[in-house]
Structure formats: structure tokens, C-alpha cells
């Protein structure tokens, strides 16, 4: 594929996505039948995958706590207090890429 073909494919994809978004915004989003079907699909997916989500939280419990703690101190502009109060956790956050 040359440069023109790549640009044509990208442009066609972008136009297609814009058409789909416009169709969703103007037609589907306000359609009650679509909403009900989408809610049903979401509820079904949620009930079928509860265990997967639970396993994810169990496996990543420590990382999620670290991220929550980091966000708290970042939101309150207290990252220096975090660094002095919890140096081991701070180092873990740096290793994980939160900071």
C-alpha cells in the first residue's frame, strides 16, 4: 500500500465513524426500543460476568488501593505528605507508573 491508499482508508474509516455517531445521536439514542434492548443486553452481560469483575478486584486489590490513595493525595495537593508518611507505598506508586 502506498501513502495515498493509506490516507484513503483512514479517511473512509473516519467518515464511517462520523456517520455512525451521527446516526446514533439523531436516531438510536432517542429510540425506546433500542434503549430497552441495550439495557437488557447490559443487564445480561453484568449478570454473566460478575465473577470476572470480582476476580479482577481480588487480584488487583492492592493496586486499586494504591491508586485510590494516590488520587486522594493528588486531589488535595498533598503528595509531599504522602511521600514522607508512606515512603514504601510512594515507591510502589512510582514503580507502577501512577506518579
PDB file of N, CA and C in Angstrom:
ATOM      1  N   UNK A   1       0.841  -1.192   0.000  1.00  0.00           N
ATOM      2  CA  UNK A   1       0.000   0.000   0.000  1.00  0.00           C
ATOM      3  C   UNK A   1       0.879   1.245   0.000  1.00  0.00           C
ATOM      4  N   UNK A   2       0.494   2.182  -0.808  1.00  0.00           N
ATOM      5  CA  UNK A   2       1.246   3.431  -0.822  1.00  0.00           C
ATOM      6  C   UNK A   2       0.557   4.462   0.070  1.00  0.00           C
ATOM      7  N   UNK A   3       1.124   5.613   0.118  1.00  0.00           N
ATOM      8  CA  UNK A   3       0.642   6.663   1.030  1.00  0.00           C
ATOM      9  C   UNK A   3      -0.790   7.099   0.713  1.00  0.00           C
ATOM     10  N   UNK A   4      -1.133   7.189  -0.573  1.00  0.00           N
ATOM     11  CA  UNK A   4      -2.490   7.597  -0.970  1.00  0.00           C
ATOM     12  C   UNK A   4      -3.537   6.586  -0.524  1.00  0.00           C
ATOM     13  N   UNK A   5      -3.220   5.306  -0.689  1.00  0.00           N
ATOM     14  CA  UNK A   5      -4.164   4.267  -0.275  1.00  0.00           C
ATOM     15  C   UNK A   5      -4.383   4.301   1.234  1.00  0.00           C
ATOM     16  N   UNK A   6      -3.342   4.489   1.964  1.00  0.00           N
ATOM     17  CA  UNK A   6      -3.446   4.550   3.429  1.00  0.00           C
ATOM     18  C   UNK A   6      -4.305   5.732   3.840  1.00  0.00           C
ATOM     19  N   UNK A   7      -4.063   6.884   3.226  1.00  0.00           N
ATOM     20  CA  UNK A   7      -4.861   8.071   3.544  1.00  0.00           C
ATOM     21  C   UNK A   7      -6.323   7.878   3.175  1.00  0.00           C
ATOM     22  N   UNK A   8      -6.590   7.207   2.033  1.00  0.00           N
ATOM     23  CA  UNK A   8      -7.974   6.949   1.617  1.00  0.00           C
ATOM     24  C   UNK A   8      -8.672   6.031   2.615  1.00  0.00           C
ATOM     25  N   UNK A   9      -7.993   4.994   3.044  1.00  0.00           N
ATOM     26  CA  UNK A   9      -8.580   4.062   4.003  1.00  0.00           C
ATOM     27  C   UNK A   9      -8.875   4.773   5.319  1.00  0.00           C
ATOM     28  N   UNK A  10      -7.946   5.572   5.786  1.00  0.00           N
ATOM     29  CA  UNK A  10      -8.154   6.309   7.032  1.00  0.00           C
ATOM     30  C   UNK A  10      -9.303   7.301   6.907  1.00  0.00           C
ATOM     31  N   UNK A  11      -9.391   7.969   5.784  1.00  0.00           N
ATOM     32  CA  UNK A  11     -10.472   8.930   5.564  1.00  0.00           C
ATOM     33  C   UNK A  11     -11.830   8.231   5.508  1.00  0.00           C
ATOM     34  N   UNK A  12     -11.900   7.089   4.816  1.00  0.00           N
ATOM     35  CA  UNK A  12     -13.142   6.330   4.747  1.00  0.00           C
ATOM     36  C   UNK A  12     -13.563   5.857   6.137  1.00  0.00           C
ATOM     37  N   UNK A  13     -12.604   5.382   6.919  1.00  0.00           N
ATOM     38  CA  UNK A  13     -12.905   4.933   8.277  1.00  0.00           C
ATOM     39  C   UNK A  13     -13.419   6.083   9.137  1.00  0.00           C
ATOM     40  N   UNK A  14     -12.766   7.235   9.027  1.00  0.00           N
ATOM     41  CA  UNK A  14     -13.184   8.408   9.806  1.00  0.00           C
ATOM     42  C   UNK A  14     -14.595   8.839   9.410  1.00  0.00           C
ATOM     43  N   UNK A  15     -14.883   8.866   8.112  1.00  0.00           N
ATOM     44  CA  UNK A  15     -16.221   9.245   7.642  1.00  0.00           C
ATOM     45  C   UNK A  15     -17.278   8.244   8.108  1.00  0.00           C
ATOM     46  N   UNK A  16     -16.929   6.958   8.067  1.00  0.00           N
ATOM     47  CA  UNK A  16     -17.862   5.930   8.516  1.00  0.00           C
ATOM     48  C   UNK A  16     -18.176   6.105   9.997  1.00  0.00           C
ATOM     49  N   UNK A  17     -17.163   6.337  10.815  1.00  0.00           N
ATOM     50  CA  UNK A  17     -17.367   6.536  12.247  1.00  0.00           C
ATOM     51  C   UNK A  17     -18.219   7.780  12.513  1.00  0.00           C
ATOM     52  N   UNK A  18     -17.993   8.840  11.745  1.00  0.00           N
ATOM     53  CA  UNK A  18     -18.799  10.061  11.888  1.00  0.00           C
ATOM     54  C   UNK A  18     -20.262   9.802  11.532  1.00  0.00           C
ATOM     55  N   UNK A  19     -20.502   9.033  10.442  1.00  0.00           N
ATOM     56  CA  UNK A  19     -21.875   8.682  10.066  1.00  0.00           C
ATOM     57  C   UNK A  19     -22.542   7.859  11.154  1.00  0.00           C
ATOM     58  N   UNK A  20     -21.815   6.882  11.701  1.00  0.00           N
ATOM     59  CA  UNK A  20     -22.381   6.039  12.756  1.00  0.00           C
ATOM     60  C   UNK A  20     -22.704   6.849  13.997  1.00  0.00           C
ATOM     61  N   UNK A  21     -21.818   7.758  14.364  1.00  0.00           N
ATOM     62  CA  UNK A  21     -22.051   8.599  15.535  1.00  0.00           C
ATOM     63  C   UNK A  21     -23.260   9.502  15.312  1.00  0.00           C
ATOM     64  N   UNK A  22     -23.341  10.083  14.122  1.00  0.00           N
ATOM     65  CA  UNK A  22     -24.477  10.952  13.804  1.00  0.00           C
ATOM     66  C   UNK A  22     -25.787  10.167  13.838  1.00  0.00           C
ATOM     67  N   UNK A  23     -25.784   8.954  13.282  1.00  0.00           N
ATOM     68  CA  UNK A  23     -26.977   8.118  13.285  1.00  0.00           C
ATOM     69  C   UNK A  23     -27.380   7.772  14.721  1.00  0.00           C
ATOM     70  N   UNK A  24     -26.398   7.439  15.551  1.00  0.00           N
ATOM     71  CA  UNK A  24     -26.697   7.130  16.950  1.00  0.00           C
ATOM     72  C   UNK A  24     -27.287   8.350  17.649  1.00  0.00           C
ATOM     73  N   UNK A  25     -26.648   9.499  17.484  1.00  0.00           N
ATOM     74  CA  UNK A  25     -27.102  10.712  18.176  1.00  0.00           C
ATOM     75  C   UNK A  25     -28.491  11.158  17.730  1.00  0.00           C
ATOM     76  N   UNK A  26     -28.799  11.014  16.449  1.00  0.00           N
ATOM     77  CA  UNK A  26     -30.063  11.519  15.923  1.00  0.00           C
ATOM     78  C   UNK A  26     -31.195  10.498  15.953  1.00  0.00           C
ATOM     79  N   UNK A  27     -30.887   9.199  15.837  1.00  0.00           N
ATOM     80  CA  UNK A  27     -31.940   8.202  15.693  1.00  0.00           C
ATOM     81  C   UNK A  27     -31.984   7.241  16.877  1.00  0.00           C
ATOM     82  N   UNK A  28     -30.907   6.521  17.083  1.00  0.00           N
ATOM     83  CA  UNK A  28     -30.929   5.442  18.070  1.00  0.00           C
ATOM     84  C   UNK A  28     -31.040   5.921  19.511  1.00  0.00           C
ATOM     85  N   UNK A  29     -30.370   6.987  19.831  1.00  0.00           N
ATOM     86  CA  UNK A  29     -30.327   7.443  21.214  1.00  0.00           C
ATOM     87  C   UNK A  29     -31.723   7.772  21.745  1.00  0.00           C
ATOM     88  N   UNK A  30     -32.609   8.191  20.908  1.00  0.00           N
ATOM     89  CA  UNK A  30     -33.954   8.567  21.326  1.00  0.00           C
ATOM     90  C   UNK A  30     -34.980   7.462  21.097  1.00  0.00           C
ATOM     91  N   UNK A  31     -34.554   6.318  20.611  1.00  0.00           N
ATOM     92  CA  UNK A  31     -35.453   5.213  20.299  1.00  0.00           C
ATOM     93  C   UNK A  31     -35.645   4.340  21.546  1.00  0.00           C
ATOM     94  N   UNK A  32     -36.889   4.256  22.041  1.00  0.00           N
ATOM     95  CA  UNK A  32     -37.164   3.493  23.262  1.00  0.00           C
ATOM     96  C   UNK A  32     -36.881   2.010  23.086  1.00  0.00           C
ATOM     97  N   UNK A  33     -37.169   1.481  21.911  1.00  0.00           N
ATOM     98  CA  UNK A  33     -36.905   0.067  21.656  1.00  0.00           C
ATOM     99  C   UNK A  33     -35.408  -0.228  21.775  1.00  0.00           C
ATOM    100  N   UNK A  34     -34.589   0.635  21.192  1.00  0.00           N
ATOM    101  CA  UNK A  34     -33.137   0.472  21.275  1.00  0.00           C
ATOM    102  C   UNK A  34     -32.659   0.569  22.717  1.00  0.00           C
ATOM    103  N   UNK A  35     -33.201   1.522  23.461  1.00  0.00           N
ATOM    104  CA  UNK A  35     -32.804   1.696  24.860  1.00  0.00           C
ATOM    105  C   UNK A  35     -33.110   0.443  25.677  1.00  0.00           C
ATOM    106  N   UNK A  36     -34.314  -0.090  25.510  1.00  0.00           N
ATOM    107  CA  UNK A  36     -34.706  -1.278  26.269  1.00  0.00           C
ATOM    108  C   UNK A  36     -33.856  -2.483  25.906  1.00  0.00           C
ATOM    109  N   UNK A  37     -33.584  -2.642  24.622  1.00  0.00           N
ATOM    110  CA  UNK A  37     -32.748  -3.758  24.176  1.00  0.00           C
ATOM    111  C   UNK A  37     -31.329  -3.616  24.722  1.00  0.00           C
ATOM    112  N   UNK A  38     -30.823  -2.400  24.720  1.00  0.00           N
ATOM    113  CA  UNK A  38     -29.478  -2.142  25.221  1.00  0.00           C
ATOM    114  C   UNK A  38     -29.398  -2.386  26.730  1.00  0.00           C
ATOM    115  N   UNK A  39     -30.432  -1.971  27.462  1.00  0.00           N
ATOM    116  CA  UNK A  39     -30.473  -2.219  28.902  1.00  0.00           C
ATOM    117  C   UNK A  39     -30.501  -3.706  29.203  1.00  0.00           C
ATOM    118  N   UNK A  40     -31.277  -4.446  28.422  1.00  0.00           N
ATOM    119  CA  UNK A  40     -31.363  -5.884  28.617  1.00  0.00           C
ATOM    120  C   UNK A  40     -30.022  -6.559  28.347  1.00  0.00           C
ATOM    121  N   UNK A  41     -29.360  -6.149  27.268  1.00  0.00           N
ATOM    122  CA  UNK A  41     -28.039  -6.700  26.960  1.00  0.00           C
ATOM    123  C   UNK A  41     -27.038  -6.366  28.060  1.00  0.00           C
ATOM    124  N   UNK A  42     -27.096  -5.157  28.574  1.00  0.00           N
ATOM    125  CA  UNK A  42     -26.179  -4.755  29.642  1.00  0.00           C
ATOM    126  C   UNK A  42     -26.423  -5.554  30.910  1.00  0.00           C
ATOM    127  N   UNK A  43     -27.679  -5.737  31.263  1.00  0.00           N
ATOM    128  CA  UNK A  43     -28.019  -6.493  32.467  1.00  0.00           C
ATOM    129  C   UNK A  43     -27.590  -7.950  32.324  1.00  0.00           C
ATOM    130  N   UNK A  44     -27.793  -8.506  31.148  1.00  0.00           N
ATOM    131  CA  UNK A  44     -27.385  -9.893  30.897  1.00  0.00           C
ATOM    132  C   UNK A  44     -25.876 -10.032  31.006  1.00  0.00           C
ATOM    133  N   UNK A  45     -25.140  -9.117  30.394  1.00  0.00           N
ATOM    134  CA  UNK A  45     -23.680  -9.164  30.444  1.00  0.00           C
ATOM    135  C   UNK A  45     -23.204  -9.036  31.881  1.00  0.00           C
ATOM    136  N   UNK A  46     -23.807  -8.117  32.627  1.00  0.00           N
ATOM    137  CA  UNK A  46     -23.404  -7.911  34.017  1.00  0.00           C
ATOM    138  C   UNK A  46     -23.641  -9.172  34.834  1.00  0.00           C
ATOM    139  N   UNK A  47     -24.790  -9.804  34.679  1.00  0.00           N
ATOM    140  CA  UNK A  47     -25.083 -10.998  35.477  1.00  0.00           C
ATOM    141  C   UNK A  47     -24.196 -12.170  35.073  1.00  0.00           C
ATOM    142  N   UNK A  48     -23.792 -12.238  33.811  1.00  0.00           N
ATOM    143  CA  UNK A  48     -22.927 -13.333  33.359  1.00  0.00           C
ATOM    144  C   UNK A  48     -21.464 -13.132  33.751  1.00  0.00           C
ATOM    145  N   UNK A  49     -21.060 -11.908  34.024  1.00  0.00           N
ATOM    146  CA  UNK A  49     -19.646 -11.623  34.255  1.00  0.00           C
ATOM    147  C   UNK A  49     -19.348 -11.072  35.641  1.00  0.00           C
ATOM    148  N   UNK A  50     -20.241 -11.308  36.597  1.00  0.00           N
ATOM    149  CA  UNK A  50     -19.996 -10.834  37.957  1.00  0.00           C
ATOM    150  C   UNK A  50     -18.719 -11.437  38.530  1.00  0.00           C
ATOM    151  N   UNK A  51     -18.527 -12.712  38.283  1.00  0.00           N
ATOM    152  CA  UNK A  51     -17.357 -13.389  38.842  1.00  0.00           C
ATOM    153  C   UNK A  51     -16.051 -12.851  38.256  1.00  0.00           C
ATOM    154  N   UNK A  52     -16.066 -12.505  36.981  1.00  0.00           N
ATOM    155  CA  UNK A  52     -14.861 -11.951  36.363  1.00  0.00           C
ATOM    156  C   UNK A  52     -14.464 -10.634  37.028  1.00  0.00           C
ATOM    157  N   UNK A  53     -15.454  -9.778  37.266  1.00  0.00           N
ATOM    158  CA  UNK A  53     -15.183  -8.484  37.886  1.00  0.00           C
ATOM    159  C   UNK A  53     -14.692  -8.678  39.318  1.00  0.00           C
ATOM    160  N   UNK A  54     -15.313  -9.613  40.030  1.00  0.00           N
ATOM    161  CA  UNK A  54     -14.912  -9.890  41.398  1.00  0.00           C
ATOM    162  C   UNK A  54     -13.467 -10.403  41.436  1.00  0.00           C
ATOM    163  N   UNK A  55     -13.132 -11.309  40.520  1.00  0.00           N
ATOM    164  CA  UNK A  55     -11.763 -11.825  40.444  1.00  0.00           C
ATOM    165  C   UNK A  55     -10.772 -10.715  40.128  1.00  0.00           C
ATOM    166  N   UNK A  56     -11.161  -9.819  39.231  1.00  0.00           N
ATOM    167  CA  UNK A  56     -10.293  -8.694  38.886  1.00  0.00           C
ATOM    168  C   UNK A  56      -9.999  -7.848  40.117  1.00  0.00           C
ATOM    169  N   UNK A  57     -11.026  -7.532  40.910  1.00  0.00           N
ATOM    170  CA  UNK A  57     -10.817  -6.715  42.097  1.00  0.00           C
ATOM    171  C   UNK A  57      -9.997  -7.442  43.149  1.00  0.00           C
ATOM    172  N   UNK A  58     -10.185  -8.749  43.259  1.00  0.00           N
ATOM    173  CA  UNK A  58      -9.393  -9.514  44.229  1.00  0.00           C
ATOM    174  C   UNK A  58      -7.929  -9.546  43.811  1.00  0.00           C
ATOM    175  N   UNK A  59      -7.665  -9.764  42.524  1.00  0.00           N
ATOM    176  CA  UNK A  59      -6.288  -9.825  42.033  1.00  0.00           C
ATOM    177  C   UNK A  59      -5.582  -8.472  42.143  1.00  0.00           C
ATOM    178  N   UNK A  60      -6.318  -7.395  41.912  1.00  0.00           N
ATOM    179  CA  UNK A  60      -5.714  -6.065  41.848  1.00  0.00           C
ATOM    180  C   UNK A  60      -6.079  -5.199  43.054  1.00  0.00           C
ATOM    181  N   UNK A  61      -6.410  -5.827  44.164  1.00  0.00           N
ATOM    182  CA  UNK A  61      -6.870  -5.103  45.340  1.00  0.00           C
ATOM    183  C   UNK A  61      -5.832  -4.084  45.821  1.00  0.00           C
ATOM    184  N   UNK A  62      -4.585  -4.520  45.911  1.00  0.00           N
ATOM    185  CA  UNK A  62      -3.529  -3.637  46.403  1.00  0.00           C
ATOM    186  C   UNK A  62      -3.291  -2.472  45.443  1.00  0.00           C
ATOM    187  N   UNK A  63      -3.265  -2.773  44.143  1.00  0.00           N
ATOM    188  CA  UNK A  63      -3.044  -1.715  43.156  1.00  0.00           C
ATOM    189  C   UNK A  63      -4.178  -0.690  43.180  1.00  0.00           C
ATOM    190  N   UNK A  64      -5.409  -1.164  43.320  1.00  0.00           N
ATOM    191  CA  UNK A  64      -6.546  -0.249  43.351  1.00  0.00           C
ATOM    192  C   UNK A  64      -6.511   0.633  44.591  1.00  0.00           C
ATOM    193  N   UNK A  65      -6.097   0.064  45.722  1.00  0.00           N
ATOM    194  CA  UNK A  65      -5.970   0.868  46.940  1.00  0.00           C
ATOM    195  C   UNK A  65      -4.878   1.915  46.779  1.00  0.00           C
ATOM    196  N   UNK A  66      -3.755   1.504  46.183  1.00  0.00           N
ATOM    197  CA  UNK A  66      -2.664   2.454  45.947  1.00  0.00           C
ATOM    198  C   UNK A  66      -3.120   3.599  45.054  1.00  0.00           C
ATOM    199  N   UNK A  67      -3.819   3.251  43.992  1.00  0.00           N
ATOM    200  CA  UNK A  67      -4.268   4.282  43.061  1.00  0.00           C
ATOM    201  C   UNK A  67      -5.265   5.221  43.727  1.00  0.00           C
ATOM    202  N   UNK A  68      -6.163   4.670  44.536  1.00  0.00           N
ATOM    203  CA  UNK A  68      -7.129   5.492  45.248  1.00  0.00           C
ATOM    204  C   UNK A  68      -6.425   6.438  46.216  1.00  0.00           C
ATOM    205  N   UNK A  69      -5.452   5.914  46.932  1.00  0.00           N
ATOM    206  CA  UNK A  69      -4.696   6.741  47.878  1.00  0.00           C
ATOM    207  C   UNK A  69      -3.928   7.834  47.140  1.00  0.00           C
ATOM    208  N   UNK A  70      -3.315   7.481  46.032  1.00  0.00           N
ATOM    209  CA  UNK A  70      -2.592   8.471  45.239  1.00  0.00           C
ATOM    210  C   UNK A  70      -3.523   9.575  44.760  1.00  0.00           C
ATOM    211  N   UNK A  71      -4.701   9.189  44.255  1.00  0.00           N
ATOM    212  CA  UNK A  71      -5.653  10.189  43.766  1.00  0.00           C
ATOM    213  C   UNK A  71      -6.126  11.107  44.881  1.00  0.00           C
ATOM    214  N   UNK A  72      -6.304  10.569  46.079  1.00  0.00           N
ATOM    215  CA  UNK A  72      -6.711  11.392  47.213  1.00  0.00           C
ATOM    216  C   UNK A  72      -5.657  12.457  47.519  1.00  0.00           C
ATOM    217  N   UNK A  73      -4.412  12.024  47.639  1.00  0.00           N
ATOM    218  CA  UNK A  73      -3.349  12.980  47.972  1.00  0.00           C
ATOM    219  C   UNK A  73      -3.091  13.953  46.829  1.00  0.00           C
ATOM    220  N   UNK A  74      -3.246  13.497  45.598  1.00  0.00           N
ATOM    221  CA  UNK A  74      -3.052  14.381  44.457  1.00  0.00           C
ATOM    222  C   UNK A  74      -4.148  15.440  44.407  1.00  0.00           C
ATOM    223  N   UNK A  75      -5.396  15.011  44.652  1.00  0.00           N
ATOM    224  CA  UNK A  75      -6.521  15.940  44.604  1.00  0.00           C
ATOM    225  C   UNK A  75      -6.368  17.047  45.644  1.00  0.00           C
ATOM    226  N   UNK A  76      -5.827  16.697  46.797  1.00  0.00           N
ATOM    227  CA  UNK A  76      -5.666  17.668  47.876  1.00  0.00           C
ATOM    228  C   UNK A  76      -4.290  18.327  47.893  1.00  0.00           C
ATOM    229  N   UNK A  77      -3.510  18.129  46.836  1.00  0.00           N
ATOM    230  CA  UNK A  77      -2.162  18.714  46.724  1.00  0.00           C
ATOM    231  C   UNK A  77      -1.299  18.393  47.942  1.00  0.00           C
ATOM    232  N   UNK A  78      -1.280  17.113  48.336  1.00  0.00           N
ATOM    233  CA  UNK A  78      -0.505  16.676  49.492  1.00  0.00           C
ATOM    234  C   UNK A  78       0.433  15.537  49.132  1.00  0.00           C
ATOM    235  N   UNK A  79       0.966  15.534  47.929  1.00  0.00           N
ATOM    236  CA  UNK A  79       1.852  14.452  47.522  1.00  0.00           C
ATOM    237  C   UNK A  79       3.130  14.415  48.358  1.00  0.00           C
ATOM    238  N   UNK A  80       3.578  15.574  48.836  1.00  0.00           N
ATOM    239  CA  UNK A  80       4.772  15.588  49.689  1.00  0.00           C
ATOM    240  C   UNK A  80       4.500  14.880  51.018  1.00  0.00           C
ATOM    241  N   UNK A  81       3.289  15.018  51.552  1.00  0.00           N
ATOM    242  CA  UNK A  81       2.923  14.327  52.790  1.00  0.00           C
ATOM    243  C   UNK A  81       2.869  12.823  52.533  1.00  0.00           C
ATOM    244  N   UNK A  82       2.335  12.425  51.391  1.00  0.00           N
ATOM    245  CA  UNK A  82       2.297  11.013  51.026  1.00  0.00           C
ATOM    246  C   UNK A  82       3.702  10.434  50.973  1.00  0.00           C
ATOM    247  N   UNK A  83       4.620  11.191  50.404  1.00  0.00           N
ATOM    248  CA  UNK A  83       5.997  10.718  50.257  1.00  0.00           C
ATOM    249  C   UNK A  83       6.676  10.538  51.605  1.00  0.00           C
ATOM    250  N   UNK A  84       6.423  11.443  52.555  1.00  0.00           N
ATOM    251  CA  UNK A  84       7.065  11.329  53.862  1.00  0.00           C
ATOM    252  C   UNK A  84       6.357  10.322  54.769  1.00  0.00           C
ATOM    253  N   UNK A  85       5.041  10.246  54.673  1.00  0.00           N
ATOM    254  CA  UNK A  85       4.260   9.384  55.559  1.00  0.00           C
ATOM    255  C   UNK A  85       4.326   7.911  55.136  1.00  0.00           C
ATOM    256  N   UNK A  86       4.291   7.659  53.824  1.00  0.00           N
ATOM    257  CA  UNK A  86       4.295   6.296  53.291  1.00  0.00           C
ATOM    258  C   UNK A  86       5.370   6.142  52.212  1.00  0.00           C
ATOM    259  N   UNK A  87       6.645   6.109  52.602  1.00  0.00           N
ATOM    260  CA  UNK A  87       7.695   6.041  51.569  1.00  0.00           C
ATOM    261  C   UNK A  87       7.664   4.743  50.757  1.00  0.00           C
ATOM    262  N   UNK A  88       7.306   3.606  51.392  1.00  0.00           N
ATOM    263  CA  UNK A  88       7.261   2.342  50.643  1.00  0.00           C
ATOM    264  C   UNK A  88       6.144   2.375  49.605  1.00  0.00           C
ATOM    265  N   UNK A  89       4.987   2.871  50.021  1.00  0.00           N
ATOM    266  CA  UNK A  89       3.861   2.959  49.093  1.00  0.00           C
ATOM    267  C   UNK A  89       4.162   3.945  47.974  1.00  0.00           C
ATOM    268  N   UNK A  90       4.843   5.031  48.320  1.00  0.00           N
ATOM    269  CA  UNK A  90       5.203   6.020  47.309  1.00  0.00           C
ATOM    270  C   UNK A  90       6.118   5.390  46.262  1.00  0.00           C
ATOM    271  N   UNK A  91       7.086   4.603  46.716  1.00  0.00           N
ATOM    272  CA  UNK A  91       7.984   3.929  45.778  1.00  0.00           C
ATOM    273  C   UNK A  91       7.223   2.944  44.893  1.00  0.00           C
ATOM    274  N   UNK A  92       6.257   2.237  45.475  1.00  0.00           N
ATOM    275  CA  UNK A  92       5.433   1.323  44.681  1.00  0.00           C
ATOM    276  C   UNK A  92       4.632   2.089  43.637  1.00  0.00           C
ATOM    277  N   UNK A  93       4.119   3.256  44.023  1.00  0.00           N
ATOM    278  CA  UNK A  93       3.345   4.066  43.087  1.00  0.00           C
ATOM    279  C   UNK A  93       4.216   4.537  41.925  1.00  0.00           C
ATOM    280  N   UNK A  94       5.461   4.875  42.229  1.00  0.00           N
ATOM    281  CA  UNK A  94       6.383   5.287  41.164  1.00  0.00           C
ATOM    282  C   UNK A  94       6.670   4.109  40.255  1.00  0.00           C
ATOM    283  N   UNK A  95       6.876   2.911  40.842  1.00  0.00           N
ATOM    284  CA  UNK A  95       7.137   1.724  40.030  1.00  0.00           C
ATOM    285  C   UNK A  95       5.944   1.352  39.161  1.00  0.00           C
ATOM    286  N   UNK A  96       4.739   1.506  39.678  1.00  0.00           N
ATOM    287  CA  UNK A  96       3.533   1.160  38.930  1.00  0.00           C
ATOM    288  C   UNK A  96       3.194   2.210  37.878  1.00  0.00           C
ATOM    289  N   UNK A  97       3.765   3.397  37.987  1.00  0.00           N
ATOM    290  CA  UNK A  97       3.533   4.437  36.988  1.00  0.00           C
ATOM    291  C   UNK A  97       2.435   5.396  37.328  1.00  0.00           C
ATOM    292  N   UNK A  98       1.958   5.406  38.573  1.00  0.00           N
ATOM    293  CA  UNK A  98       0.935   6.359  38.968  1.00  0.00           C
ATOM    294  C   UNK A  98       1.510   7.759  39.039  1.00  0.00           C
ATOM    295  N   UNK A  99       2.771   7.851  39.420  1.00  0.00           N
ATOM    296  CA  UNK A  99       3.406   9.161  39.595  1.00  0.00           C
ATOM    297  C   UNK A  99       4.379   9.365  38.438  1.00  0.00           C
TER     298      UNK A  99
END
